[in-house]
Amino acid sequence: MPIVGSLFGLAIGLLLGVSTGGVALFMVLSASASYIAVPAAMRVALPQADPAVYLTLSLRVTFPFNLTLGIPLYIALASSFTGG
């Protein structure tokens, strides 16, 4: 999901015509939405769901992925699409 979200951020940044850093920031924020919003949304939508499952996926899979691989990937993509 972070990669899908980051592609939406890439598209929005390019449509708005912001700088390379701005596009990269849109990508990071869009990719991060999956682990920022999901725990709260899951608690409201499915109160009987086991928090260990969705919190583990959010914080132990998505967050480290974004820090180690995602952010460098988003910066490289933003640079290649904006020419920066």
N, C-alpha and C. Protein backbone atom coordinates (compact mmCIF):
# COMPACT_ATOMS: atom_id res chain seq x y z
N MET A 1 0.80 -1.21 0.00
CA MET A 1 0.00 0.00 0.00
C MET A 1 0.85 1.28 0.00
N PRO A 2 2.00 1.30 0.65
CA PRO A 2 2.77 2.55 0.61
C PRO A 2 3.19 2.93 -0.80
N ILE A 3 3.50 1.96 -1.62
CA ILE A 3 3.92 2.28 -2.99
C ILE A 3 2.75 2.84 -3.78
N VAL A 4 1.57 2.26 -3.60
CA VAL A 4 0.38 2.78 -4.28
C VAL A 4 0.10 4.21 -3.82
N GLY A 5 0.16 4.43 -2.51
CA GLY A 5 -0.05 5.78 -1.99
C GLY A 5 0.98 6.76 -2.50
N SER A 6 2.23 6.32 -2.59
CA SER A 6 3.27 7.22 -3.07
C SER A 6 3.08 7.59 -4.53
N LEU A 7 2.53 6.67 -5.31
CA LEU A 7 2.26 6.99 -6.72
C LEU A 7 1.16 8.03 -6.85
N PHE A 8 0.18 7.97 -5.95
CA PHE A 8 -0.83 9.03 -5.92
C PHE A 8 -0.19 10.37 -5.55
N GLY A 9 0.72 10.35 -4.59
CA GLY A 9 1.44 11.56 -4.21
C GLY A 9 2.28 12.11 -5.35
N LEU A 10 2.90 11.21 -6.11
CA LEU A 10 3.67 11.61 -7.29
C LEU A 10 2.78 12.32 -8.30
N ALA A 11 1.64 11.73 -8.58
CA ALA A 11 0.71 12.33 -9.54
C ALA A 11 0.21 13.69 -9.08
N ILE A 12 -0.13 13.80 -7.81
CA ILE A 12 -0.62 15.08 -7.28
C ILE A 12 0.48 16.14 -7.33
N GLY A 13 1.70 15.76 -6.92
CA GLY A 13 2.80 16.71 -6.96
C GLY A 13 3.10 17.18 -8.37
N LEU A 14 3.05 16.27 -9.34
CA LEU A 14 3.31 16.65 -10.72
C LEU A 14 2.19 17.54 -11.26
N LEU A 15 0.95 17.23 -10.92
CA LEU A 15 -0.18 18.05 -11.37
C LEU A 15 -0.12 19.47 -10.79
N LEU A 16 0.35 19.57 -9.56
CA LEU A 16 0.45 20.89 -8.93
C LEU A 16 1.68 21.66 -9.38
N GLY A 17 2.63 20.96 -9.98
CA GLY A 17 3.84 21.62 -10.49
C GLY A 17 4.79 22.06 -9.40
N VAL A 18 4.85 21.33 -8.30
CA VAL A 18 5.75 21.71 -7.22
C VAL A 18 7.17 21.22 -7.51
N SER A 19 8.11 21.64 -6.69
CA SER A 19 9.52 21.29 -6.89
C SER A 19 9.76 19.81 -6.65
N THR A 20 10.97 19.38 -6.93
CA THR A 20 11.35 17.98 -6.70
C THR A 20 11.15 17.59 -5.23
N GLY A 21 11.59 18.44 -4.34
CA GLY A 21 11.41 18.18 -2.91
C GLY A 21 9.95 18.12 -2.51
N GLY A 22 9.15 18.99 -3.12
CA GLY A 22 7.71 18.98 -2.85
C GLY A 22 7.05 17.70 -3.31
N VAL A 23 7.44 17.23 -4.50
CA VAL A 23 6.90 15.97 -5.02
C VAL A 23 7.32 14.83 -4.10
N ALA A 24 8.58 14.80 -3.70
CA ALA A 24 9.05 13.75 -2.80
C ALA A 24 8.29 13.79 -1.48
N LEU A 25 8.03 14.97 -0.96
CA LEU A 25 7.28 15.10 0.29
C LEU A 25 5.85 14.61 0.13
N PHE A 26 5.19 14.96 -0.98
CA PHE A 26 3.85 14.43 -1.26
C PHE A 26 3.87 12.90 -1.28
N MET A 27 4.92 12.35 -1.87
CA MET A 27 5.02 10.89 -1.97
C MET A 27 5.19 10.26 -0.59
N VAL A 28 6.06 10.84 0.24
CA VAL A 28 6.29 10.30 1.59
C VAL A 28 5.01 10.40 2.42
N LEU A 29 4.35 11.53 2.37
CA LEU A 29 3.13 11.70 3.16
C LEU A 29 2.02 10.77 2.68
N SER A 30 1.90 10.59 1.38
CA SER A 30 0.88 9.69 0.85
C SER A 30 1.18 8.24 1.20
N ALA A 31 2.43 7.88 1.17
CA ALA A 31 2.81 6.51 1.54
C ALA A 31 2.63 6.28 3.03
N SER A 32 2.82 7.31 3.84
CA SER A 32 2.71 7.17 5.29
C SER A 32 1.28 7.12 5.77
N ALA A 33 0.35 7.55 4.96
CA ALA A 33 -1.05 7.57 5.37
C ALA A 33 -1.54 6.18 5.77
N SER A 34 -0.97 5.14 5.18
CA SER A 34 -1.44 3.79 5.48
C SER A 34 -1.15 3.40 6.93
N TYR A 35 -0.06 3.83 7.51
CA TYR A 35 0.19 3.45 8.90
C TYR A 35 -0.17 4.53 9.90
N ILE A 36 -0.56 5.69 9.44
CA ILE A 36 -1.02 6.74 10.34
C ILE A 36 -2.53 6.61 10.55
N ALA A 37 -3.26 6.40 9.48
CA ALA A 37 -4.72 6.41 9.56
C ALA A 37 -5.34 5.03 9.79
N VAL A 38 -4.68 3.97 9.36
CA VAL A 38 -5.30 2.65 9.42
C VAL A 38 -5.65 2.20 10.84
N PRO A 39 -4.77 2.32 11.82
CA PRO A 39 -5.17 1.85 13.16
C PRO A 39 -6.43 2.52 13.69
N ALA A 40 -6.55 3.82 13.52
CA ALA A 40 -7.76 4.51 13.98
C ALA A 40 -8.98 4.11 13.17
N ALA A 41 -8.82 3.99 11.87
CA ALA A 41 -9.95 3.60 11.03
C ALA A 41 -10.40 2.17 11.33
N MET A 42 -9.46 1.27 11.55
CA MET A 42 -9.82 -0.11 11.86
C MET A 42 -10.54 -0.20 13.21
N ARG A 43 -10.11 0.57 14.16
CA ARG A 43 -10.76 0.54 15.48
C ARG A 43 -12.22 0.99 15.38
N VAL A 44 -12.48 1.98 14.54
CA VAL A 44 -13.85 2.48 14.39
C VAL A 44 -14.67 1.54 13.51
N ALA A 45 -14.10 1.10 12.39
CA ALA A 45 -14.85 0.30 11.43
C ALA A 45 -15.11 -1.13 11.91
N LEU A 46 -14.10 -1.71 12.55
CA LEU A 46 -14.22 -3.11 13.00
C LEU A 46 -13.77 -3.21 14.46
N PRO A 47 -14.63 -2.82 15.39
CA PRO A 47 -14.21 -2.82 16.79
C PRO A 47 -13.84 -4.21 17.32
N GLN A 48 -14.36 -5.26 16.71
CA GLN A 48 -14.05 -6.61 17.16
C GLN A 48 -12.75 -7.14 16.56
N ALA A 49 -12.12 -6.42 15.66
CA ALA A 49 -10.86 -6.85 15.04
C ALA A 49 -9.73 -6.85 16.06
N ASP A 50 -8.83 -7.76 15.89
CA ASP A 50 -7.68 -7.89 16.80
C ASP A 50 -6.66 -6.79 16.49
N PRO A 51 -6.42 -5.87 17.42
CA PRO A 51 -5.47 -4.78 17.16
C PRO A 51 -4.04 -5.27 16.90
N ALA A 52 -3.71 -6.44 17.40
CA ALA A 52 -2.36 -6.97 17.18
C ALA A 52 -2.07 -7.18 15.70
N VAL A 53 -3.09 -7.50 14.94
CA VAL A 53 -2.90 -7.75 13.51
C VAL A 53 -2.65 -6.45 12.76
N TYR A 54 -3.58 -5.50 12.88
CA TYR A 54 -3.42 -4.28 12.07
C TYR A 54 -2.34 -3.36 12.59
N LEU A 55 -2.06 -3.36 13.89
CA LEU A 55 -0.95 -2.55 14.39
C LEU A 55 0.40 -3.14 13.98
N THR A 56 0.48 -4.47 13.99
CA THR A 56 1.72 -5.12 13.56
C THR A 56 2.00 -4.83 12.10
N LEU A 57 1.00 -4.96 11.26
CA LEU A 57 1.20 -4.69 9.84
C LEU A 57 1.57 -3.23 9.61
N SER A 58 0.93 -2.34 10.33
CA SER A 58 1.21 -0.92 10.14
C SER A 58 2.59 -0.52 10.63
N LEU A 59 2.92 -0.93 11.84
CA LEU A 59 4.14 -0.42 12.47
C LEU A 59 5.37 -1.31 12.31
N ARG A 60 5.17 -2.57 12.03
CA ARG A 60 6.33 -3.46 11.90
C ARG A 60 6.66 -3.81 10.46
N VAL A 61 5.77 -3.50 9.54
CA VAL A 61 6.04 -3.80 8.13
C VAL A 61 6.14 -2.50 7.33
N THR A 62 5.08 -1.71 7.35
CA THR A 62 5.02 -0.52 6.50
C THR A 62 6.00 0.57 6.94
N PHE A 63 6.05 0.87 8.22
CA PHE A 63 6.93 1.93 8.71
C PHE A 63 8.41 1.64 8.42
N PRO A 64 8.93 0.46 8.76
CA PRO A 64 10.34 0.18 8.42
C PRO A 64 10.59 0.15 6.92
N PHE A 65 9.61 -0.33 6.15
CA PHE A 65 9.78 -0.31 4.69
C PHE A 65 9.97 1.11 4.20
N ASN A 66 9.13 2.03 4.67
CA ASN A 66 9.24 3.42 4.24
C ASN A 66 10.58 4.03 4.64
N LEU A 67 11.05 3.73 5.83
CA LEU A 67 12.32 4.31 6.28
C LEU A 67 13.52 3.76 5.53
N THR A 68 13.52 2.45 5.26
CA THR A 68 14.71 1.84 4.65
C THR A 68 14.71 1.88 3.13
N LEU A 69 13.61 1.56 2.52
CA LEU A 69 13.55 1.48 1.06
C LEU A 69 12.67 2.55 0.43
N GLY A 70 11.58 2.87 1.09
CA GLY A 70 10.59 3.76 0.50
C GLY A 70 11.07 5.17 0.24
N ILE A 71 11.58 5.83 1.26
CA ILE A 71 11.98 7.23 1.10
C ILE A 71 13.06 7.40 0.04
N PRO A 72 14.12 6.57 0.02
CA PRO A 72 15.08 6.70 -1.08
C PRO A 72 14.44 6.46 -2.46
N LEU A 73 13.51 5.51 -2.52
CA LEU A 73 12.81 5.25 -3.77
C LEU A 73 11.96 6.44 -4.19
N TYR A 74 11.25 7.03 -3.24
CA TYR A 74 10.39 8.18 -3.56
C TYR A 74 11.23 9.37 -4.03
N ILE A 75 12.37 9.60 -3.40
CA ILE A 75 13.24 10.70 -3.83
C ILE A 75 13.77 10.45 -5.23
N ALA A 76 14.17 9.21 -5.52
CA ALA A 76 14.68 8.89 -6.85
C ALA A 76 13.58 9.05 -7.91
N LEU A 77 12.39 8.61 -7.60
CA LEU A 77 11.28 8.76 -8.56
C LEU A 77 10.93 10.23 -8.76
N ALA A 78 10.88 10.99 -7.68
CA ALA A 78 10.57 12.42 -7.80
C ALA A 78 11.62 13.13 -8.64
N SER A 79 12.88 12.78 -8.43
CA SER A 79 13.95 13.39 -9.21
C SER A 79 13.87 13.02 -10.68
N SER A 80 13.56 11.78 -10.95
CA SER A 80 13.50 11.36 -12.35
C SER A 80 12.31 11.96 -13.09
N PHE A 81 11.19 12.16 -12.39
CA PHE A 81 10.01 12.71 -13.06
C PHE A 81 10.05 14.23 -13.17
N THR A 82 10.75 14.89 -12.25
CA THR A 82 10.79 16.36 -12.31
C THR A 82 12.07 16.89 -12.94
N GLY A 83 13.02 16.01 -13.19
CA GLY A 83 14.27 16.43 -13.79
C GLY A 83 15.20 17.11 -12.80
N GLY A 84 14.95 16.91 -11.51
CA GLY A 84 15.74 17.58 -10.48
C GLY A 84 16.81 16.80 -9.93
